[in-house]
Amino acid sequence: MKSKTLFILFSFFISGVSLASEVKETRDGIYEQKVKLNYGAISYIVDTKAKICILAYTGVTTIPCESLANREEWKPVLDWIK
């Protein structure tokens, strides 16, 4: 099950690279980026105070912030990851 989830998350990362909107601060310490896909949209949500990263699509799941930090637009937000 874990490898299936990782494959799905990896697919979201790859397919959303060119269709991603900019990262926006929605509330104090909460950032969001919407990614449009052929079959809908996903959102990446980061809580910088709790230091958690979330992927929202048809449900919500936490994802490793280290993976999201590989995307250039998230590096300034995820400043606690070296």
PDB file of N, CA and C in Angstrom:
ATOM      1  N   MET A   1       0.823  -1.197   0.000  1.00  0.00           N
ATOM      2  CA  MET A   1       0.000   0.000   0.000  1.00  0.00           C
ATOM      3  C   MET A   1       0.867   1.261   0.000  1.00  0.00           C
ATOM      4  N   LYS A   2       1.958   1.242   0.780  1.00  0.00           N
ATOM      5  CA  LYS A   2       2.823   2.413   0.866  1.00  0.00           C
ATOM      6  C   LYS A   2       3.447   2.746  -0.492  1.00  0.00           C
ATOM      7  N   SER A   3       3.908   1.730  -1.218  1.00  0.00           N
ATOM      8  CA  SER A   3       4.529   1.990  -2.523  1.00  0.00           C
ATOM      9  C   SER A   3       3.497   2.499  -3.524  1.00  0.00           C
ATOM     10  N   LYS A   4       2.261   2.046  -3.423  1.00  0.00           N
ATOM     11  CA  LYS A   4       1.192   2.529  -4.304  1.00  0.00           C
ATOM     12  C   LYS A   4       0.917   4.014  -4.024  1.00  0.00           C
ATOM     13  N   THR A   5       0.869   4.381  -2.760  1.00  0.00           N
ATOM     14  CA  THR A   5       0.655   5.780  -2.384  1.00  0.00           C
ATOM     15  C   THR A   5       1.803   6.643  -2.864  1.00  0.00           C
ATOM     16  N   LEU A   6       3.033   6.171  -2.705  1.00  0.00           N
ATOM     17  CA  LEU A   6       4.191   6.931  -3.168  1.00  0.00           C
ATOM     18  C   LEU A   6       4.167   7.113  -4.679  1.00  0.00           C
ATOM     19  N   PHE A   7       3.758   6.082  -5.413  1.00  0.00           N
ATOM     20  CA  PHE A   7       3.657   6.203  -6.866  1.00  0.00           C
ATOM     21  C   PHE A   7       2.624   7.249  -7.260  1.00  0.00           C
ATOM     22  N   ILE A   8       1.480   7.249  -6.593  1.00  0.00           N
ATOM     23  CA  ILE A   8       0.435   8.238  -6.889  1.00  0.00           C
ATOM     24  C   ILE A   8       0.933   9.644  -6.583  1.00  0.00           C
ATOM     25  N   LEU A   9       1.580   9.823  -5.444  1.00  0.00           N
ATOM     26  CA  LEU A   9       2.110  11.145  -5.095  1.00  0.00           C
ATOM     27  C   LEU A   9       3.178  11.586  -6.089  1.00  0.00           C
ATOM     28  N   PHE A  10       4.045  10.667  -6.489  1.00  0.00           N
ATOM     29  CA  PHE A  10       5.069  10.993  -7.471  1.00  0.00           C
ATOM     30  C   PHE A  10       4.423  11.419  -8.788  1.00  0.00           C
ATOM     31  N   SER A  11       3.359  10.738  -9.186  1.00  0.00           N
ATOM     32  CA  SER A  11       2.646  11.093 -10.414  1.00  0.00           C
ATOM     33  C   SER A  11       2.071  12.500 -10.325  1.00  0.00           C
ATOM     34  N   PHE A  12       1.537  12.862  -9.171  1.00  0.00           N
ATOM     35  CA  PHE A  12       1.010  14.214  -8.980  1.00  0.00           C
ATOM     36  C   PHE A  12       2.122  15.244  -9.120  1.00  0.00           C
ATOM     37  N   PHE A  13       3.265  14.978  -8.516  1.00  0.00           N
ATOM     38  CA  PHE A  13       4.386  15.918  -8.605  1.00  0.00           C
ATOM     39  C   PHE A  13       4.829  16.104 -10.047  1.00  0.00           C
ATOM     40  N   ILE A  14       4.999  15.026 -10.780  1.00  0.00           N
ATOM     41  CA  ILE A  14       5.481  15.099 -12.155  1.00  0.00           C
ATOM     42  C   ILE A  14       4.463  15.773 -13.062  1.00  0.00           C
ATOM     43  N   SER A  15       3.207  15.404 -12.957  1.00  0.00           N
ATOM     44  CA  SER A  15       2.195  15.925 -13.868  1.00  0.00           C
ATOM     45  C   SER A  15       1.840  17.375 -13.586  1.00  0.00           C
ATOM     46  N   GLY A  16       2.118  17.854 -12.389  1.00  0.00           N
ATOM     47  CA  GLY A  16       1.719  19.209 -12.055  1.00  0.00           C
ATOM     48  C   GLY A  16       2.789  20.258 -12.191  1.00  0.00           C
ATOM     49  N   VAL A  17       3.977  19.884 -12.606  1.00  0.00           N
ATOM     50  CA  VAL A  17       5.085  20.826 -12.626  1.00  0.00           C
ATOM     51  C   VAL A  17       4.791  22.062 -13.469  1.00  0.00           C
ATOM     52  N   SER A  18       4.317  21.906 -14.693  1.00  0.00           N
ATOM     53  CA  SER A  18       4.118  23.052 -15.567  1.00  0.00           C
ATOM     54  C   SER A  18       2.763  23.710 -15.382  1.00  0.00           C
ATOM     55  N   LEU A  19       1.845  23.093 -14.663  1.00  0.00           N
ATOM     56  CA  LEU A  19       0.509  23.629 -14.510  1.00  0.00           C
ATOM     57  C   LEU A  19       0.255  24.209 -13.123  1.00  0.00           C
ATOM     58  N   ALA A  20       1.295  24.373 -12.345  1.00  0.00           N
ATOM     59  CA  ALA A  20       1.140  24.835 -10.975  1.00  0.00           C
ATOM     60  C   ALA A  20       1.032  26.355 -10.914  1.00  0.00           C
ATOM     61  N   SER A  21       0.143  26.807 -10.045  1.00  0.00           N
ATOM     62  CA  SER A  21       0.040  28.240  -9.800  1.00  0.00           C
ATOM     63  C   SER A  21       1.122  28.640  -8.795  1.00  0.00           C
ATOM     64  N   GLU A  22       1.210  29.909  -8.531  1.00  0.00           N
ATOM     65  CA  GLU A  22       2.219  30.355  -7.569  1.00  0.00           C
ATOM     66  C   GLU A  22       1.801  29.986  -6.152  1.00  0.00           C
ATOM     67  N   VAL A  23       2.766  29.929  -5.277  1.00  0.00           N
ATOM     68  CA  VAL A  23       2.514  29.644  -3.868  1.00  0.00           C
ATOM     69  C   VAL A  23       2.002  30.927  -3.221  1.00  0.00           C
ATOM     70  N   LYS A  24       0.877  30.819  -2.520  1.00  0.00           N
ATOM     71  CA  LYS A  24       0.273  31.991  -1.882  1.00  0.00           C
ATOM     72  C   LYS A  24       0.079  31.743  -0.396  1.00  0.00           C
ATOM     73  N   GLU A  25       0.321  32.784   0.391  1.00  0.00           N
ATOM     74  CA  GLU A  25       0.036  32.686   1.822  1.00  0.00           C
ATOM     75  C   GLU A  25      -1.448  32.957   2.010  1.00  0.00           C
ATOM     76  N   THR A  26      -2.170  31.995   2.569  1.00  0.00           N
ATOM     77  CA  THR A  26      -3.610  32.147   2.736  1.00  0.00           C
ATOM     78  C   THR A  26      -3.975  32.667   4.120  1.00  0.00           C
ATOM     79  N   ARG A  27      -3.233  32.280   5.111  1.00  0.00           N
ATOM     80  CA  ARG A  27      -3.416  32.749   6.485  1.00  0.00           C
ATOM     81  C   ARG A  27      -2.042  32.810   7.132  1.00  0.00           C
ATOM     82  N   ASP A  28      -2.002  33.232   8.330  1.00  0.00           N
ATOM     83  CA  ASP A  28      -0.751  33.370   9.056  1.00  0.00           C
ATOM     84  C   ASP A  28       0.008  32.045   9.126  1.00  0.00           C
ATOM     85  N   GLY A  29       1.026  31.911   8.285  1.00  0.00           N
ATOM     86  CA  GLY A  29       1.855  30.712   8.294  1.00  0.00           C
ATOM     87  C   GLY A  29       1.309  29.546   7.488  1.00  0.00           C
ATOM     88  N   ILE A  30       0.182  29.724   6.807  1.00  0.00           N
ATOM     89  CA  ILE A  30      -0.397  28.678   5.962  1.00  0.00           C
ATOM     90  C   ILE A  30      -0.226  29.094   4.501  1.00  0.00           C
ATOM     91  N   TYR A  31       0.386  28.224   3.715  1.00  0.00           N
ATOM     92  CA  TYR A  31       0.635  28.496   2.302  1.00  0.00           C
ATOM     93  C   TYR A  31      -0.061  27.436   1.454  1.00  0.00           C
ATOM     94  N   GLU A  32      -0.470  27.838   0.245  1.00  0.00           N
ATOM     95  CA  GLU A  32      -1.175  26.903  -0.638  1.00  0.00           C
ATOM     96  C   GLU A  32      -0.750  27.120  -2.086  1.00  0.00           C
ATOM     97  N   GLN A  33      -0.745  26.027  -2.822  1.00  0.00           N
ATOM     98  CA  GLN A  33      -0.504  26.070  -4.260  1.00  0.00           C
ATOM     99  C   GLN A  33      -1.493  25.120  -4.913  1.00  0.00           C
ATOM    100  N   LYS A  34      -2.213  25.620  -5.906  1.00  0.00           N
ATOM    101  CA  LYS A  34      -3.157  24.780  -6.647  1.00  0.00           C
ATOM    102  C   LYS A  34      -2.498  24.328  -7.944  1.00  0.00           C
ATOM    103  N   VAL A  35      -2.704  23.067  -8.267  1.00  0.00           N
ATOM    104  CA  VAL A  35      -2.140  22.477  -9.472  1.00  0.00           C
ATOM    105  C   VAL A  35      -3.291  21.917 -10.303  1.00  0.00           C
ATOM    106  N   LYS A  36      -3.451  22.454 -11.498  1.00  0.00           N
ATOM    107  CA  LYS A  36      -4.517  21.983 -12.383  1.00  0.00           C
ATOM    108  C   LYS A  36      -4.029  20.766 -13.157  1.00  0.00           C
ATOM    109  N   LEU A  37      -4.866  19.749 -13.163  1.00  0.00           N
ATOM    110  CA  LEU A  37      -4.580  18.518 -13.883  1.00  0.00           C
ATOM    111  C   LEU A  37      -5.680  18.291 -14.906  1.00  0.00           C
ATOM    112  N   ASN A  38      -5.491  17.351 -15.794  1.00  0.00           N
ATOM    113  CA  ASN A  38      -6.514  17.039 -16.799  1.00  0.00           C
ATOM    114  C   ASN A  38      -7.832  16.608 -16.170  1.00  0.00           C
ATOM    115  N   TYR A  39      -7.774  16.033 -15.000  1.00  0.00           N
ATOM    116  CA  TYR A  39      -8.954  15.449 -14.365  1.00  0.00           C
ATOM    117  C   TYR A  39      -9.320  16.153 -13.060  1.00  0.00           C
ATOM    118  N   GLY A  40      -8.997  17.420 -12.935  1.00  0.00           N
ATOM    119  CA  GLY A  40      -9.331  18.175 -11.734  1.00  0.00           C
ATOM    120  C   GLY A  40      -8.154  18.997 -11.255  1.00  0.00           C
ATOM    121  N   ALA A  41      -8.080  19.222  -9.990  1.00  0.00           N
ATOM    122  CA  ALA A  41      -6.978  20.003  -9.412  1.00  0.00           C
ATOM    123  C   ALA A  41      -6.619  19.431  -8.052  1.00  0.00           C
ATOM    124  N   ILE A  42      -5.368  19.605  -7.708  1.00  0.00           N
ATOM    125  CA  ILE A  42      -4.910  19.239  -6.366  1.00  0.00           C
ATOM    126  C   ILE A  42      -4.362  20.497  -5.711  1.00  0.00           C
ATOM    127  N   SER A  43      -4.250  20.448  -4.415  1.00  0.00           N
ATOM    128  CA  SER A  43      -3.664  21.554  -3.670  1.00  0.00           C
ATOM    129  C   SER A  43      -2.583  21.024  -2.756  1.00  0.00           C
ATOM    130  N   TYR A  44      -1.473  21.742  -2.718  1.00  0.00           N
ATOM    131  CA  TYR A  44      -0.444  21.511  -1.721  1.00  0.00           C
ATOM    132  C   TYR A  44      -0.658  22.570  -0.657  1.00  0.00           C
ATOM    133  N   ILE A  45      -0.695  22.162   0.596  1.00  0.00           N
ATOM    134  CA  ILE A  45      -0.898  23.083   1.708  1.00  0.00           C
ATOM    135  C   ILE A  45       0.225  22.855   2.705  1.00  0.00           C
ATOM    136  N   VAL A  46       0.844  23.946   3.143  1.00  0.00           N
ATOM    137  CA  VAL A  46       1.939  23.853   4.098  1.00  0.00           C
ATOM    138  C   VAL A  46       1.625  24.743   5.294  1.00  0.00           C
ATOM    139  N   ASP A  47       1.722  24.160   6.470  1.00  0.00           N
ATOM    140  CA  ASP A  47       1.593  24.899   7.724  1.00  0.00           C
ATOM    141  C   ASP A  47       3.004  25.068   8.271  1.00  0.00           C
ATOM    142  N   THR A  48       3.539  26.281   8.174  1.00  0.00           N
ATOM    143  CA  THR A  48       4.920  26.512   8.583  1.00  0.00           C
ATOM    144  C   THR A  48       5.099  26.517  10.097  1.00  0.00           C
ATOM    145  N   LYS A  49       4.036  26.722  10.845  1.00  0.00           N
ATOM    146  CA  LYS A  49       4.151  26.692  12.306  1.00  0.00           C
ATOM    147  C   LYS A  49       4.154  25.259  12.830  1.00  0.00           C
ATOM    148  N   ALA A  50       3.287  24.428  12.280  1.00  0.00           N
ATOM    149  CA  ALA A  50       3.241  23.023  12.682  1.00  0.00           C
ATOM    150  C   ALA A  50       4.264  22.189  11.912  1.00  0.00           C
ATOM    151  N   LYS A  51       4.806  22.773  10.832  1.00  0.00           N
ATOM    152  CA  LYS A  51       5.790  22.111   9.971  1.00  0.00           C
ATOM    153  C   LYS A  51       5.254  20.806   9.400  1.00  0.00           C
ATOM    154  N   ILE A  52       4.055  20.928   8.791  1.00  0.00           N
ATOM    155  CA  ILE A  52       3.472  19.790   8.099  1.00  0.00           C
ATOM    156  C   ILE A  52       3.093  20.196   6.682  1.00  0.00           C
ATOM    157  N   CYS A  53       3.116  19.219   5.784  1.00  0.00           N
ATOM    158  CA  CYS A  53       2.755  19.433   4.385  1.00  0.00           C
ATOM    159  C   CYS A  53       1.621  18.484   4.037  1.00  0.00           C
ATOM    160  N   ILE A  54       0.661  19.001   3.289  1.00  0.00           N
ATOM    161  CA  ILE A  54      -0.564  18.269   2.998  1.00  0.00           C
ATOM    162  C   ILE A  54      -0.826  18.300   1.501  1.00  0.00           C
ATOM    163  N   LEU A  55      -1.320  17.197   0.982  1.00  0.00           N
ATOM    164  CA  LEU A  55      -1.804  17.106  -0.396  1.00  0.00           C
ATOM    165  C   LEU A  55      -3.306  16.903  -0.307  1.00  0.00           C
ATOM    166  N   ALA A  56      -4.061  17.770  -0.974  1.00  0.00           N
ATOM    167  CA  ALA A  56      -5.519  17.654  -0.985  1.00  0.00           C
ATOM    168  C   ALA A  56      -5.981  17.401  -2.405  1.00  0.00           C
ATOM    169  N   TYR A  57      -6.738  16.329  -2.583  1.00  0.00           N
ATOM    170  CA  TYR A  57      -7.330  16.027  -3.894  1.00  0.00           C
ATOM    171  C   TYR A  57      -8.752  15.575  -3.620  1.00  0.00           C
ATOM    172  N   THR A  58      -9.036  14.311  -3.645  1.00  0.00           N
ATOM    173  CA  THR A  58     -10.371  13.849  -3.268  1.00  0.00           C
ATOM    174  C   THR A  58     -10.435  13.598  -1.767  1.00  0.00           C
ATOM    175  N   GLY A  59      -9.294  13.631  -1.153  1.00  0.00           N
ATOM    176  CA  GLY A  59      -9.141  13.508   0.285  1.00  0.00           C
ATOM    177  C   GLY A  59      -7.923  14.315   0.686  1.00  0.00           C
ATOM    178  N   VAL A  60      -7.506  14.157   1.910  1.00  0.00           N
ATOM    179  CA  VAL A  60      -6.356  14.903   2.417  1.00  0.00           C
ATOM    180  C   VAL A  60      -5.379  13.914   3.023  1.00  0.00           C
ATOM    181  N   THR A  61      -4.096  14.097   2.693  1.00  0.00           N
ATOM    182  CA  THR A  61      -3.060  13.249   3.268  1.00  0.00           C
ATOM    183  C   THR A  61      -1.810  14.090   3.506  1.00  0.00           C
ATOM    184  N   THR A  62      -1.059  13.739   4.522  1.00  0.00           N
ATOM    185  CA  THR A  62       0.211  14.418   4.744  1.00  0.00           C
ATOM    186  C   THR A  62       1.241  13.832   3.793  1.00  0.00           C
ATOM    187  N   ILE A  63       2.160  14.670   3.371  1.00  0.00           N
ATOM    188  CA  ILE A  63       3.249  14.248   2.496  1.00  0.00           C
ATOM    189  C   ILE A  63       4.559  14.720   3.113  1.00  0.00           C
ATOM    190  N   PRO A  64       5.678  14.114   2.740  1.00  0.00           N
ATOM    191  CA  PRO A  64       6.967  14.560   3.280  1.00  0.00           C
ATOM    192  C   PRO A  64       7.300  15.961   2.765  1.00  0.00           C
ATOM    193  N   CYS A  65       7.552  16.876   3.658  1.00  0.00           N
ATOM    194  CA  CYS A  65       7.912  18.242   3.265  1.00  0.00           C
ATOM    195  C   CYS A  65       9.219  18.253   2.474  1.00  0.00           C
ATOM    196  N   GLU A  66      10.084  17.291   2.721  1.00  0.00           N
ATOM    197  CA  GLU A  66      11.345  17.212   1.988  1.00  0.00           C
ATOM    198  C   GLU A  66      11.100  17.027   0.489  1.00  0.00           C
ATOM    199  N   SER A  67      10.072  16.287   0.134  1.00  0.00           N
ATOM    200  CA  SER A  67       9.740  16.086  -1.283  1.00  0.00           C
ATOM    201  C   SER A  67       9.245  17.380  -1.913  1.00  0.00           C
ATOM    202  N   LEU A  68       8.391  18.085  -1.203  1.00  0.00           N
ATOM    203  CA  LEU A  68       7.862  19.343  -1.717  1.00  0.00           C
ATOM    204  C   LEU A  68       8.959  20.401  -1.817  1.00  0.00           C
ATOM    205  N   ALA A  69       9.946  20.325  -0.951  1.00  0.00           N
ATOM    206  CA  ALA A  69      11.049  21.290  -0.968  1.00  0.00           C
ATOM    207  C   ALA A  69      11.923  21.149  -2.207  1.00  0.00           C
ATOM    208  N   ASN A  70      11.764  20.071  -2.956  1.00  0.00           N
ATOM    209  CA  ASN A  70      12.503  19.910  -4.211  1.00  0.00           C
ATOM    210  C   ASN A  70      11.983  20.833  -5.308  1.00  0.00           C
ATOM    211  N   ARG A  71      10.802  21.369  -5.133  1.00  0.00           N
ATOM    212  CA  ARG A  71      10.239  22.294  -6.108  1.00  0.00           C
ATOM    213  C   ARG A  71      10.693  23.705  -5.753  1.00  0.00           C
ATOM    214  N   GLU A  72      11.239  24.410  -6.725  1.00  0.00           N
ATOM    215  CA  GLU A  72      11.837  25.735  -6.498  1.00  0.00           C
ATOM    216  C   GLU A  72      10.898  26.708  -5.797  1.00  0.00           C
ATOM    217  N   GLU A  73       9.633  26.713  -6.181  1.00  0.00           N
ATOM    218  CA  GLU A  73       8.704  27.688  -5.625  1.00  0.00           C
ATOM    219  C   GLU A  73       8.407  27.471  -4.145  1.00  0.00           C
ATOM    220  N   TRP A  74       8.711  26.274  -3.633  1.00  0.00           N
ATOM    221  CA  TRP A  74       8.464  25.990  -2.220  1.00  0.00           C
ATOM    222  C   TRP A  74       9.690  26.196  -1.334  1.00  0.00           C
ATOM    223  N   LYS A  75      10.859  26.293  -1.907  1.00  0.00           N
ATOM    224  CA  LYS A  75      12.079  26.414  -1.097  1.00  0.00           C
ATOM    225  C   LYS A  75      12.052  27.579  -0.111  1.00  0.00           C
ATOM    226  N   PRO A  76      11.599  28.775  -0.489  1.00  0.00           N
ATOM    227  CA  PRO A  76      11.569  29.875   0.484  1.00  0.00           C
ATOM    228  C   PRO A  76      10.590  29.629   1.639  1.00  0.00           C
ATOM    229  N   VAL A  77       9.514  28.894   1.378  1.00  0.00           N
ATOM    230  CA  VAL A  77       8.514  28.621   2.414  1.00  0.00           C
ATOM    231  C   VAL A  77       9.006  27.545   3.366  1.00  0.00           C
ATOM    232  N   LEU A  78       9.636  26.522   2.820  1.00  0.00           N
ATOM    233  CA  LEU A  78      10.104  25.386   3.618  1.00  0.00           C
ATOM    234  C   LEU A  78      11.542  25.620   4.087  1.00  0.00           C
ATOM    235  N   ASP A  79      11.761  26.742   4.704  1.00  0.00           N
ATOM    236  CA  ASP A  79      13.116  27.157   5.081  1.00  0.00           C
ATOM    237  C   ASP A  79      13.717  26.327   6.240  1.00  0.00           C
ATOM    238  N   TRP A  80      12.924  25.527   6.918  1.00  0.00           N
ATOM    239  CA  TRP A  80      13.467  24.687   7.992  1.00  0.00           C
ATOM    240  C   TRP A  80      14.081  23.400   7.442  1.00  0.00           C
ATOM    241  N   ILE A  81      13.892  23.130   6.162  1.00  0.00           N
ATOM    242  CA  ILE A  81      14.466  21.933   5.536  1.00  0.00           C
ATOM    243  C   ILE A  81      15.774  22.323   4.854  1.00  0.00           C
ATOM    244  N   LYS A  82      16.833  21.666   5.218  1.00  0.00           N
ATOM    245  CA  LYS A  82      18.156  21.985   4.656  1.00  0.00           C
ATOM    246  C   LYS A  82      18.572  20.940   3.666  1.00  0.00           C
TER     247      LYS A  82
END
